[in-house]
Protein backbone atom coordinates (compact mmCIF):
# COMPACT_ATOMS: atom_id res chain seq x y z
CA MET A 1 22.36 -255.40 -75.20
CA LYS A 2 23.77 -259.23 -75.64
CA TRP A 3 21.70 -262.41 -74.47
CA PRO A 4 24.00 -265.46 -73.30
CA THR A 5 23.15 -268.76 -74.71
CA THR A 6 25.05 -271.66 -73.23
CA VAL A 7 25.16 -274.69 -75.11
CA PHE A 8 25.90 -278.21 -73.09
CA VAL A 9 26.20 -281.40 -74.10
CA ALA A 10 23.27 -283.63 -72.46
CA ILE A 11 23.38 -287.08 -73.17
CA ALA A 12 26.13 -288.54 -75.02
CA PHE A 13 25.99 -290.87 -78.60
CA PHE A 14 22.45 -289.98 -79.39
CA CYS A 15 21.85 -288.03 -82.35
CA SER A 16 18.40 -285.06 -82.72
CA ASP A 17 17.46 -282.71 -85.34
CA ALA A 18 19.50 -279.94 -84.43
CA ASP A 19 17.55 -277.52 -86.96
CA ALA A 20 15.06 -277.36 -83.78
CA VAL A 21 16.30 -274.40 -81.66
CA VAL A 22 13.41 -272.46 -80.40
CA SER A 23 13.41 -268.60 -80.20
CA LEU A 24 11.80 -266.47 -78.12
CA ALA A 25 10.16 -263.43 -79.21
CA GLY A 26 11.99 -260.62 -77.74
CA THR A 27 15.56 -259.96 -76.01
CA ARG A 28 14.18 -259.07 -72.85
CA LEU A 29 10.98 -258.68 -71.26
CA VAL A 30 9.62 -255.66 -68.78
CA PHE A 31 6.67 -256.64 -66.82
CA ASP A 32 4.29 -253.54 -65.74
CA GLY A 33 3.74 -253.74 -62.81
CA ARG A 34 0.11 -252.03 -63.52
CA PHE A 35 -0.91 -255.81 -64.40
CA HIS A 36 -0.75 -258.90 -62.67
CA GLU A 37 1.05 -260.53 -65.40
CA THR A 38 2.79 -260.28 -68.83
CA THR A 39 3.85 -262.92 -71.46
CA ILE A 40 6.24 -263.70 -73.78
CA ASP A 41 6.11 -266.43 -76.78
CA VAL A 42 8.44 -269.42 -77.74
CA SER A 43 8.70 -270.70 -81.00
CA ASN A 44 9.68 -273.76 -82.78
CA PRO A 45 11.04 -273.55 -86.47
CA GLY A 46 12.44 -276.65 -86.45
CA ASN A 47 10.84 -280.16 -87.93
CA SER A 48 11.00 -282.00 -84.77
CA HIS A 49 8.78 -281.89 -81.68
CA VAL A 50 11.45 -280.87 -78.82
CA LEU A 51 10.68 -280.71 -74.87
CA ILE A 52 11.11 -277.02 -73.05
CA GLN A 53 11.36 -276.25 -69.43
CA ALA A 54 11.56 -272.48 -68.48
CA TRP A 55 12.17 -271.14 -64.90
CA LEU A 56 13.52 -267.67 -63.26
CA ALA A 57 16.51 -267.18 -61.70
CA ASP A 58 17.75 -264.39 -58.94
CA PRO A 59 20.96 -262.81 -60.68
CA ARG A 60 22.36 -261.97 -57.67
CA THR A 61 22.80 -265.57 -56.55
CA GLY A 62 23.09 -267.13 -59.99
CA THR A 63 20.62 -269.49 -58.45
CA ALA A 64 18.15 -270.75 -60.97
CA ALA A 65 14.86 -271.87 -60.13
CA VAL A 66 14.89 -270.18 -56.62
CA PRO A 67 11.90 -270.92 -55.32
CA ASN A 68 10.85 -268.22 -53.13
CA LEU A 69 10.60 -265.56 -55.80
CA PRO A 70 7.35 -264.01 -55.74
CA PHE A 71 6.14 -265.21 -59.74
CA ALA A 72 5.00 -267.69 -60.96
CA LEU A 73 5.76 -269.49 -64.30
CA THR A 74 3.62 -271.57 -66.73
CA PRO A 75 3.91 -273.81 -68.52
CA HIS A 76 7.46 -273.99 -66.66
CA LEU A 77 7.21 -277.82 -68.75
CA VAL A 78 6.16 -278.24 -72.06
CA ARG A 79 6.61 -280.61 -75.25
CA LEU A 80 5.81 -278.18 -78.11
CA ARG A 81 5.30 -279.46 -81.90
CA ALA A 82 7.59 -278.61 -84.69
CA HIS A 83 6.62 -275.04 -86.47
CA ASP A 84 4.35 -274.80 -83.22
CA ARG A 85 4.45 -271.95 -80.91
CA GLN A 86 3.62 -271.61 -76.56
CA THR A 87 2.77 -268.43 -75.30
CA LEU A 88 4.67 -268.69 -71.45
CA ARG A 89 2.89 -266.62 -68.50
CA LEU A 90 4.62 -264.93 -65.64
CA LEU A 91 2.88 -263.44 -62.48
CA TYR A 92 3.66 -261.59 -59.81
CA GLN A 93 1.67 -262.20 -56.46
CA GLY A 94 1.60 -258.76 -55.20
CA VAL A 95 3.84 -258.34 -53.11
CA GLY A 96 7.90 -259.19 -52.43
CA MET A 97 8.98 -256.94 -55.02
CA PRO A 98 10.64 -253.47 -53.97
CA ALA A 99 8.18 -250.60 -54.52
CA ASP A 100 10.64 -248.06 -55.19
CA ARG A 101 12.47 -249.54 -58.09
CA GLU A 102 13.24 -251.59 -61.14
CA SER A 103 14.16 -255.07 -60.35
CA LEU A 104 15.90 -257.89 -62.35
CA LEU A 105 15.47 -261.49 -62.95
CA HIS A 106 16.73 -264.20 -65.76
CA LEU A 107 14.56 -266.17 -67.51
CA TYR A 108 15.77 -269.34 -68.64
CA VAL A 109 14.15 -271.50 -71.67
CA LEU A 110 16.12 -274.89 -72.06
CA GLU A 111 15.06 -276.94 -75.15
CA VAL A 112 15.86 -281.05 -74.80
CA PRO A 113 15.84 -282.42 -78.36
CA ARG A 114 14.03 -285.53 -79.34
CA ARG A 115 16.44 -288.37 -78.36
CA SER A 116 17.58 -290.05 -82.19
CA GLU A 117 17.84 -293.89 -82.97
CA ALA A 118 21.14 -292.75 -84.27
CA SER A 119 23.80 -294.48 -82.55
CA GLN A 120 27.40 -292.48 -81.73
CA GLN A 121 26.15 -289.35 -81.97
CA LEU A 122 25.05 -286.33 -79.80
CA SER A 123 22.01 -284.93 -78.60
CA ILE A 124 22.59 -281.51 -77.69
CA ALA A 125 20.11 -279.68 -75.44
CA VAL A 126 20.09 -275.52 -76.19
CA ARG A 127 19.68 -273.05 -73.10
CA GLN A 128 18.90 -269.23 -73.45
CA ARG A 129 18.63 -266.30 -70.55
CA ILE A 130 16.85 -263.12 -71.27
CA ASN A 131 16.02 -260.42 -68.99
CA VAL A 132 13.41 -259.46 -67.33
CA PHE A 133 12.69 -256.18 -65.73
CA TYR A 134 9.87 -256.00 -63.05
CA ARG A 135 8.92 -252.51 -63.06
CA PRO A 136 6.81 -251.62 -60.46
CA ALA A 137 4.07 -248.96 -60.96
CA GLY A 138 4.27 -245.60 -60.29
CA LEU A 139 7.85 -244.98 -60.32
CA PRO A 140 9.04 -241.44 -61.26
CA GLY A 141 10.52 -240.24 -64.57
CA ASP A 142 9.92 -242.13 -68.17
CA PRO A 143 12.47 -245.18 -68.79
CA PRO A 144 13.63 -243.67 -72.33
CA ASP A 145 14.62 -240.29 -70.64
CA ALA A 146 16.99 -242.52 -67.95
CA ALA A 147 20.19 -242.42 -70.58
CA GLN A 148 19.72 -238.89 -70.41
CA LYS A 149 20.02 -238.22 -66.44
CA LEU A 150 23.18 -240.94 -66.11
CA SER A 151 25.54 -238.43 -64.61
CA TRP A 152 29.09 -238.85 -65.78
CA ARG A 153 32.48 -237.20 -64.09
CA TRP A 154 36.01 -237.96 -64.28
CA ASP A 155 38.49 -238.69 -61.88
CA GLU A 156 39.97 -235.57 -60.75
CA ALA A 157 43.01 -236.84 -59.49
CA ALA A 158 44.31 -238.95 -62.66
CA ARG A 159 41.76 -238.40 -64.50
CA ALA A 160 42.49 -242.66 -65.03
CA THR A 161 38.60 -243.66 -64.73
CA LEU A 162 35.24 -242.26 -65.79
CA THR A 163 32.47 -242.78 -62.92
CA VAL A 164 28.78 -242.92 -64.22
CA HIS A 165 25.61 -242.27 -61.58
CA ASN A 166 22.34 -243.59 -62.13
CA PRO A 167 19.73 -241.09 -60.30
CA THR A 168 16.85 -243.00 -61.73
CA PRO A 169 14.52 -246.00 -60.84
CA PHE A 170 15.23 -248.01 -64.38
CA HIS A 171 17.84 -250.12 -65.06
CA VAL A 172 20.23 -247.94 -67.88
CA SER A 173 21.66 -250.65 -70.63
CA LEU A 174 24.42 -249.02 -72.29
CA HIS A 175 26.28 -250.64 -75.71
CA ARG A 176 29.92 -249.33 -77.52
CA LEU A 177 31.20 -246.74 -75.56
CA ALA A 178 33.71 -244.84 -76.45
CA PHE A 179 35.37 -241.22 -75.38
CA ASN A 180 37.31 -239.15 -78.17
CA GLU A 181 36.29 -242.55 -80.93
CA VAL A 182 38.77 -245.04 -77.93
CA GLY A 183 36.06 -247.49 -77.15
CA ILE A 184 35.87 -247.70 -73.32
CA ALA A 185 33.31 -250.98 -72.98
CA GLU A 186 31.67 -252.74 -75.06
CA ASP A 187 28.48 -253.74 -73.06
CA LEU A 188 27.36 -252.02 -69.52
CA MET A 189 24.17 -252.41 -67.40
CA LEU A 190 23.57 -250.10 -64.81
CA GLU A 191 21.25 -250.54 -61.34
CA PRO A 192 18.64 -247.95 -60.30
CA PHE A 193 20.46 -245.35 -58.01
CA SER A 194 23.95 -247.04 -58.44
CA THR A 195 27.55 -245.95 -59.60
CA HIS A 196 30.03 -247.46 -61.63
CA SER A 197 33.84 -246.77 -62.44
CA LEU A 198 35.11 -247.35 -66.01
CA PRO A 199 39.18 -247.79 -66.03
CA LEU A 200 40.46 -246.04 -69.11
CA PRO A 201 42.58 -248.03 -71.92
CA LYS A 202 46.17 -246.62 -72.30
CA ALA A 203 45.27 -245.47 -75.55
CA LEU A 204 43.60 -242.73 -73.33
CA GLU A 205 46.08 -241.85 -70.86
CA GLY A 206 46.45 -237.81 -70.80
CA HIS A 207 44.17 -237.37 -72.68
CA ALA A 208 40.98 -238.11 -70.29
CA GLY A 209 38.64 -234.97 -69.23
CA GLU A 210 38.37 -233.32 -72.96
CA GLY A 211 36.40 -233.94 -75.56
CA ALA A 212 33.21 -236.65 -76.37
CA LEU A 213 31.48 -239.75 -74.37
CA TYR A 214 29.37 -241.76 -77.13
CA PHE A 215 27.06 -244.55 -76.17
CA LYS A 216 23.75 -246.53 -77.38
CA ALA A 217 21.19 -247.24 -74.74
CA LEU A 218 18.12 -250.23 -74.98
CA THR A 219 15.24 -249.65 -75.59
CA ASP A 220 12.71 -251.48 -73.54
CA TYR A 221 11.79 -253.30 -77.16
CA GLY A 222 15.42 -254.02 -77.75
CA GLY A 223 16.33 -251.36 -79.98
CA LEU A 224 19.71 -249.17 -79.66
CA ARG A 225 19.31 -244.76 -79.78
CA ASP A 226 22.21 -242.79 -79.93
CA PHE A 227 23.68 -240.88 -77.19
CA CYS A 228 26.65 -238.40 -76.55
CA ALA A 229 28.02 -235.96 -74.07
CA GLN A 230 30.50 -233.03 -74.57
CA SER A 231 33.09 -233.51 -71.14
CA ARG A 232 35.42 -230.35 -70.21
CA GLY A 233 36.86 -230.90 -66.98
CA SER A 234 36.24 -232.56 -63.87
CA SER A 235 32.87 -231.33 -63.82
CA SER A 236 29.73 -233.60 -63.92
CA PHE A 237 28.02 -233.66 -67.50
CA ASN A 238 25.13 -235.44 -68.80
CA ALA A 239 24.54 -236.75 -72.26
CA TRP A 240 21.90 -236.18 -74.96
CA LEU A 241 19.96 -237.99 -77.87
CA ARG A 242 21.40 -237.65 -80.93
CA PRO A 243 19.08 -236.65 -84.09
CA PRO A 244 18.76 -239.14 -86.57
CA ALA A 245 20.19 -237.04 -89.18
CA VAL A 246 23.63 -237.43 -87.46
CA GLN A 247 23.61 -240.57 -85.51
CA SER A 248 26.38 -242.29 -88.61
CA SER A 249 28.60 -239.69 -87.55
CA ILE A 250 30.74 -240.66 -84.36
CA GLY A 251 32.75 -237.59 -84.67
CA THR A 252 29.59 -234.73 -84.92
CA CYS A 253 28.49 -234.29 -80.81
CA GLN A 254 26.06 -231.51 -80.88
CA PRO A 255 23.06 -230.69 -78.50
């Protein structure tokens, strides 16, 4: 799955060492509910000190620094030396989040570079965002199997829409969905117990319902696994994990 990075001008007519872009030790973070905290490292590979500000946000509201989230993030403001590393700790107070499904949060990390003495130049701050999945303890099923549990079905009337239902308590992040080698969607995140409809491109008009569906699913560690499924008519169908020997060939879809 892609993670957005927003770049914006912080202070006009000043300059900083632009090579000091911090990096996060991962593209996503899974908070295992069996424990009270999780961590992620922020590194500064540049040659200048930077100021780091971090906060959590609720993606449903799009509001940053939501005060009533039952989490604490520390440190939320820190000066990071050149070529140094800082561990961010995310702590859960134990109540306040759904216990029957995963919850999605956004972790923002804002890098504010040092102000330069040079004139007539720009200072640029970089804001990065990654997904944080709070996974309560005791959820049924296994997260790596969630992509195979997805239920797919064609619209019975016009077959111009492909519907997918996620019956699991886990988020499933899909990448590069294609049917009969025609792209349907680049990225799609399915929330727990949710249903999503995908309109088909014109290239598939009149040819939907019979053929092979291909997609990749993100793992907890940001890796990709290949899946495919054979569709026949209007009956619902499931995908299976493709063997490594055939994952390079989109034309092969065998269980």
